C-alpha atoms as a PDB file:
ATOM      1  CA  MET A   1      20.651 -16.528  11.065  1.00  0.00           C
ATOM      2  CA  ASN A   2      17.751 -15.490  12.777  1.00  0.00           C
ATOM      3  CA  SER A   3      15.761 -13.378   9.148  1.00  0.00           C
ATOM      4  CA  GLN A   4      12.236 -12.383  12.235  1.00  0.00           C
ATOM      5  CA  ALA A   5      12.679  -8.730  11.929  1.00  0.00           C
ATOM      6  CA  PRO A   6      11.366  -6.168  14.577  1.00  0.00           C
ATOM      7  CA  VAL A   7       8.130  -3.650  14.108  1.00  0.00           C
ATOM      8  CA  LEU A   8       9.710  -0.996  11.840  1.00  0.00           C
ATOM      9  CA  GLU A   9      10.090   2.126  12.481  1.00  0.00           C
ATOM     10  CA  SER A  10       9.692   4.321   9.772  1.00  0.00           C
ATOM     11  CA  LEU A  11      13.240   5.746   9.184  1.00  0.00           C
ATOM     12  CA  SER A  12      15.289   3.318  11.635  1.00  0.00           C
ATOM     13  CA  TRP A  13      16.114   0.675   8.889  1.00  0.00           C
ATOM     14  CA  SER A  14      17.762   3.657   6.220  1.00  0.00           C
ATOM     15  CA  GLY A  15      21.269   1.915   5.166  1.00  0.00           C
ATOM     16  CA  ASP A  16      20.951  -2.346   5.461  1.00  0.00           C
ATOM     17  CA  LEU A  17      20.365  -3.407   2.340  1.00  0.00           C
ATOM     18  CA  MET A  18      18.282  -6.223   3.149  1.00  0.00           C
ATOM     19  CA  LYS A  19      16.092  -3.903   4.530  1.00  0.00           C
ATOM     20  CA  ASP A  20      15.844  -1.324   1.844  1.00  0.00           C
ATOM     21  CA  THR A  21      15.409  -3.631  -0.298  1.00  0.00           C
ATOM     22  CA  PHE A  22      12.255  -4.776   0.865  1.00  0.00           C
ATOM     23  CA  ILE A  23      11.460  -0.559   2.113  1.00  0.00           C
ATOM     24  CA  TYR A  24      12.073   0.413  -2.056  1.00  0.00           C
ATOM     25  CA  ARG A  25      10.384  -2.855  -3.620  1.00  0.00           C
ATOM     26  CA  PHE A  26       6.759  -2.723  -1.461  1.00  0.00           C
ATOM     27  CA  ILE A  27       6.570   1.089  -1.788  1.00  0.00           C
ATOM     28  CA  ASP A  28       6.316   0.046  -5.835  1.00  0.00           C
ATOM     29  CA  ILE A  29       4.134  -2.964  -5.631  1.00  0.00           C
ATOM     30  CA  SER A  30       1.857  -0.474  -3.022  1.00  0.00           C
ATOM     31  CA  ALA A  31       2.168   2.453  -5.653  1.00  0.00           C
ATOM     32  CA  THR A  32       1.594  -0.300  -8.465  1.00  0.00           C
ATOM     33  CA  LEU A  33      -1.620  -1.886  -6.621  1.00  0.00           C
ATOM     34  CA  LEU A  34      -2.770   2.251  -6.396  1.00  0.00           C
ATOM     35  CA  ASP A  35      -2.514   3.100  -9.698  1.00  0.00           C
ATOM     36  CA  LEU A  36      -3.484  -0.047 -11.042  1.00  0.00           C
ATOM     37  CA  VAL A  37      -7.046   0.465  -9.042  1.00  0.00           C
ATOM     38  CA  MET A  38      -7.205   4.262  -9.016  1.00  0.00           C
ATOM     39  CA  GLU A  39      -7.417   3.171 -13.279  1.00  0.00           C
ATOM     40  CA  ASN A  40     -11.510   1.387 -12.379  1.00  0.00           C
ATOM     41  CA  GLN A  41     -13.304   4.706 -13.121  1.00  0.00           C
ATOM     42  CA  SER A  42     -16.219   3.107 -10.749  1.00  0.00           C
ATOM     43  CA  VAL A  43     -13.023   2.873  -7.828  1.00  0.00           C
ATOM     44  CA  ALA A  44     -11.446   6.217  -8.206  1.00  0.00           C
ATOM     45  CA  ASP A  45     -15.104   8.324  -8.250  1.00  0.00           C
ATOM     46  CA  HIS A  46     -16.202   6.543  -5.336  1.00  0.00           C
ATOM     47  CA  TYR A  47     -13.306   7.437  -3.597  1.00  0.00           C
ATOM     48  CA  LEU A  48     -13.634  10.627  -4.457  1.00  0.00           C
ATOM     49  CA  ASN A  49     -17.396  10.712  -3.625  1.00  0.00           C
ATOM     50  CA  TRP A  50     -16.281   9.505  -0.152  1.00  0.00           C
ATOM     51  CA  ILE A  51     -12.873  12.500   0.639  1.00  0.00           C
ATOM     52  CA  ASP A  52     -15.637  15.036  -0.963  1.00  0.00           C
ATOM     53  CA  ASP A  53     -18.093  13.549   2.024  1.00  0.00           C
ATOM     54  CA  GLN A  54     -15.256  13.053   4.956  1.00  0.00           C
ATOM     55  CA  ASP A  55     -14.638  16.797   4.359  1.00  0.00           C
ATOM     56  CA  ASP A  56     -18.386  18.111   4.576  1.00  0.00           C
ATOM     57  CA  GLY A  57     -19.372  16.211   6.695  1.00  0.00           C
ATOM     58  CA  LEU A  58     -16.302  17.563   9.325  1.00  0.00           C
ATOM     59  CA  ASP A  59     -16.988  21.320  11.414  1.00  0.00           C
ATOM     60  CA  ASP A  60     -13.808  23.370  12.224  1.00  0.00           C
ATOM     61  CA  ASP A  61     -13.332  22.060  15.663  1.00  0.00           C
ATOM     62  CA  GLN A  62     -13.362  18.292  14.500  1.00  0.00           C
ATOM     63  CA  GLU A  63     -10.943  15.876  14.034  1.00  0.00           C
ATOM     64  CA  ALA A  64     -11.424  13.380  11.454  1.00  0.00           C
ATOM     65  CA  ALA A  65     -11.941   9.982  12.385  1.00  0.00           C
ATOM     66  CA  ILE A  66      -9.344   7.227  10.692  1.00  0.00           C
ATOM     67  CA  THR A  67     -12.050   4.812   9.315  1.00  0.00           C
ATOM     68  CA  PRO A  68     -10.537   3.611   5.671  1.00  0.00           C
ATOM     69  CA  LEU A  69     -12.723   2.742   2.644  1.00  0.00           C
ATOM     70  CA  VAL A  70     -11.683  -0.411   0.814  1.00  0.00           C
ATOM     71  CA  LEU A  71     -10.479   0.345  -2.365  1.00  0.00           C
ATOM     72  CA  SER A  72      -9.660  -3.437  -3.307  1.00  0.00           C
ATOM     73  CA  GLU A  73      -8.446  -6.555  -1.659  1.00  0.00           C
ATOM     74  CA  LEU A  74      -7.026  -9.170  -3.455  1.00  0.00           C
ATOM     75  CA  ARG A  75      -6.460 -12.810  -1.938  1.00  0.00           C
ATOM     76  CA  ASN A  76      -4.958 -15.920  -3.681  1.00  0.00           C
ATOM     77  CA  ASP A  77      -5.379 -19.596  -2.765  1.00  0.00           C
ATOM     78  CA  SER A  78      -2.013 -19.809  -0.537  1.00  0.00           C
ATOM     79  CA  GLY A  79      -4.079 -17.292   1.986  1.00  0.00           C
ATOM     80  CA  SER A  80      -1.886 -14.131   0.745  1.00  0.00           C
ATOM     81  CA  HIS A  81      -4.147 -11.302   1.454  1.00  0.00           C
ATOM     82  CA  ILE A  82      -3.715  -7.720  -0.314  1.00  0.00           C
ATOM     83  CA  LEU A  83      -6.144  -4.856   1.391  1.00  0.00           C
ATOM     84  CA  VAL A  84      -5.931  -0.851  -0.477  1.00  0.00           C
ATOM     85  CA  LEU A  85      -7.359   1.296   1.532  1.00  0.00           C
ATOM     86  CA  GLY A  86      -8.087   4.756   1.505  1.00  0.00           C
ATOM     87  CA  LEU A  87      -7.459   7.137   4.475  1.00  0.00           C
ATOM     88  CA  PRO A  88      -9.925   9.998   5.027  1.00  0.00           C
ATOM     89  CA  THR A  89      -7.249  12.371   4.602  1.00  0.00           C
ATOM     90  CA  GLY A  90      -7.299  12.961   0.844  1.00  0.00           C
ATOM     91  CA  GLY A  91      -4.546  11.649  -1.058  1.00  0.00           C
ATOM     92  CA  GLN A  92      -3.435   9.271   1.583  1.00  0.00           C
ATOM     93  CA  PHE A  93      -3.815   5.733   1.022  1.00  0.00           C
ATOM     94  CA  LEU A  94      -2.340   2.497   3.224  1.00  0.00           C
ATOM     95  CA  VAL A  95      -2.091  -0.856   1.689  1.00  0.00           C
ATOM     96  CA  VAL A  96      -1.708  -3.837   4.300  1.00  0.00           C
ATOM     97  CA  PHE A  97      -0.317  -7.163   2.876  1.00  0.00           C
ATOM     98  CA  GLN A  98      -1.193 -10.186   4.878  1.00  0.00           C
ATOM     99  CA  ALA A  99       0.791 -13.455   4.046  1.00  0.00           C
ATOM    100  CA  GLY A 100       2.104 -16.298   5.955  1.00  0.00           C
ATOM    101  CA  GLU A 101       5.201 -15.142   6.997  1.00  0.00           C
ATOM    102  CA  PHE A 102       5.124 -11.296   7.358  1.00  0.00           C
ATOM    103  CA  ASN A 103       2.745  -9.008   7.213  1.00  0.00           C
ATOM    104  CA  ALA A 104       3.226  -5.185   6.249  1.00  0.00           C
ATOM    105  CA  LYS A 105       1.732  -1.633   6.127  1.00  0.00           C
ATOM    106  CA  ILE A 106       2.832   0.785   3.672  1.00  0.00           C
ATOM    107  CA  ILE A 107       2.158   4.498   3.765  1.00  0.00           C
ATOM    108  CA  LEU A 108       1.616   6.573   0.663  1.00  0.00           C
ATOM    109  CA  ALA A 109       0.261  10.316  -0.154  1.00  0.00           C
ATOM    110  CA  GLN A 110      -0.164  11.154  -3.681  1.00  0.00           C
ATOM    111  CA  ASP A 111      -1.370  14.794  -4.779  1.00  0.00           C
ATOM    112  CA  GLN A 112      -4.865  15.172  -5.505  1.00  0.00           C
ATOM    113  CA  GLU A 113      -4.550  16.373  -8.768  1.00  0.00           C
ATOM    114  CA  THR A 114      -1.969  14.403 -10.093  1.00  0.00           C
ATOM    115  CA  ALA A 115      -1.623  11.241  -9.003  1.00  0.00           C
ATOM    116  CA  THR A 116       2.166  11.669  -8.001  1.00  0.00           C
ATOM    117  CA  LEU A 117       3.342  10.042  -5.309  1.00  0.00           C
ATOM    118  CA  GLN A 118       4.503  12.647  -2.728  1.00  0.00           C
ATOM    119  CA  ALA A 119       5.520  10.424  -0.337  1.00  0.00           C
ATOM    120  CA  ALA A 120       5.764   6.916   1.086  1.00  0.00           C
ATOM    121  CA  SER A 121       6.236   4.924   4.690  1.00  0.00           C
ATOM    122  CA  VAL A 122       6.425   1.757   5.423  1.00  0.00           C
ATOM    123  CA  THR A 123       4.619   2.001   8.823  1.00  0.00           C
ATOM    124  CA  GLU A 124       4.274  -1.743   9.935  1.00  0.00           C
ATOM    125  CA  PHE A 125       6.856  -5.072   9.550  1.00  0.00           C
ATOM    126  CA  THR A 126       6.660  -8.063  11.140  1.00  0.00           C
ATOM    127  CA  GLY A 127       8.019 -11.316  10.115  1.00  0.00           C
ATOM    128  CA  ASP A 128      10.701 -12.998   7.646  1.00  0.00           C
ATOM    129  CA  LEU A 129      12.521 -10.060   5.715  1.00  0.00           C
ATOM    130  CA  HIS A 130      13.591 -12.367   3.400  1.00  0.00           C
ATOM    131  CA  TYR A 131      11.252 -14.660   3.221  1.00  0.00           C
ATOM    132  CA  ALA A 132       8.575 -10.950   2.225  1.00  0.00           C
ATOM    133  CA  ILE A 133      11.581  -9.723  -0.158  1.00  0.00           C
ATOM    134  CA  ASN A 134      11.399 -12.946  -2.720  1.00  0.00           C
ATOM    135  CA  TRP A 135       7.143 -12.472  -2.334  1.00  0.00           C
ATOM    136  CA  GLY A 136       7.540  -8.908  -3.300  1.00  0.00           C
ATOM    137  CA  LYS A 137       9.377 -10.090  -6.260  1.00  0.00           C
ATOM    138  CA  ASP A 138       7.760 -12.655  -7.547  1.00  0.00           C
ATOM    139  CA  PHE A 139       4.639 -10.598  -7.286  1.00  0.00           C
ATOM    140  CA  ILE A 140       5.693  -7.516  -8.748  1.00  0.00           C
ATOM    141  CA  ASP A 141       6.810 -10.413 -11.696  1.00  0.00           C
ATOM    142  CA  ARG A 142       3.863 -11.653 -11.898  1.00  0.00           C
ATOM    143  CA  ILE A 143       2.029  -7.773 -12.371  1.00  0.00           C
ATOM    144  CA  ASP A 144       4.677  -7.573 -15.320  1.00  0.00           C
ATOM    145  CA  GLU A 145       3.604 -10.706 -17.160  1.00  0.00           C
ATOM    146  CA  GLU A 146       0.335  -9.190 -16.691  1.00  0.00           C
ATOM    147  CA  MET A 147       0.418  -5.956 -17.842  1.00  0.00           C
ATOM    148  CA  ILE A 148       2.769  -7.458 -20.942  1.00  0.00           C
ATOM    149  CA  ALA A 149       0.293  -9.996 -21.739  1.00  0.00           C
ATOM    150  CA  ALA A 150      -2.748  -7.027 -21.655  1.00  0.00           C
ATOM    151  CA  GLY A 151      -0.533  -4.923 -24.109  1.00  0.00           C
ATOM    152  CA  MET A 152       0.144  -2.178 -21.584  1.00  0.00           C
END
């Protein structure tokens, strides 16, 4: 069985158990990572100042340039790489996963006042779907273990 998945169009995967599992798992991981990153007050302050600068730097007839702000970058010895990026529209974020067997991009939209997740979407996926699902499960299990060990 070929587990290579094509580039994901947001809603085209709906109704497929494996693809739905991937979507839910990686949106959960992305939201968790974003929450953990933004708990660091200096990162949160830097992001809010950056968003203010994005808004202040535009005239009414200009469009925002899509130049994200790196909020966090995680790498491990196996070559996995995760980026948590702030997008120039307040409350919008991109989480990029790059692992040996898959690549994925998740967009999150939060209410800026409450940090409540309003929308999320997998905007891109390439690679081995089964590997990605198992990688995601292992990743979230490690986060849970670290949070329990830290008394959270």
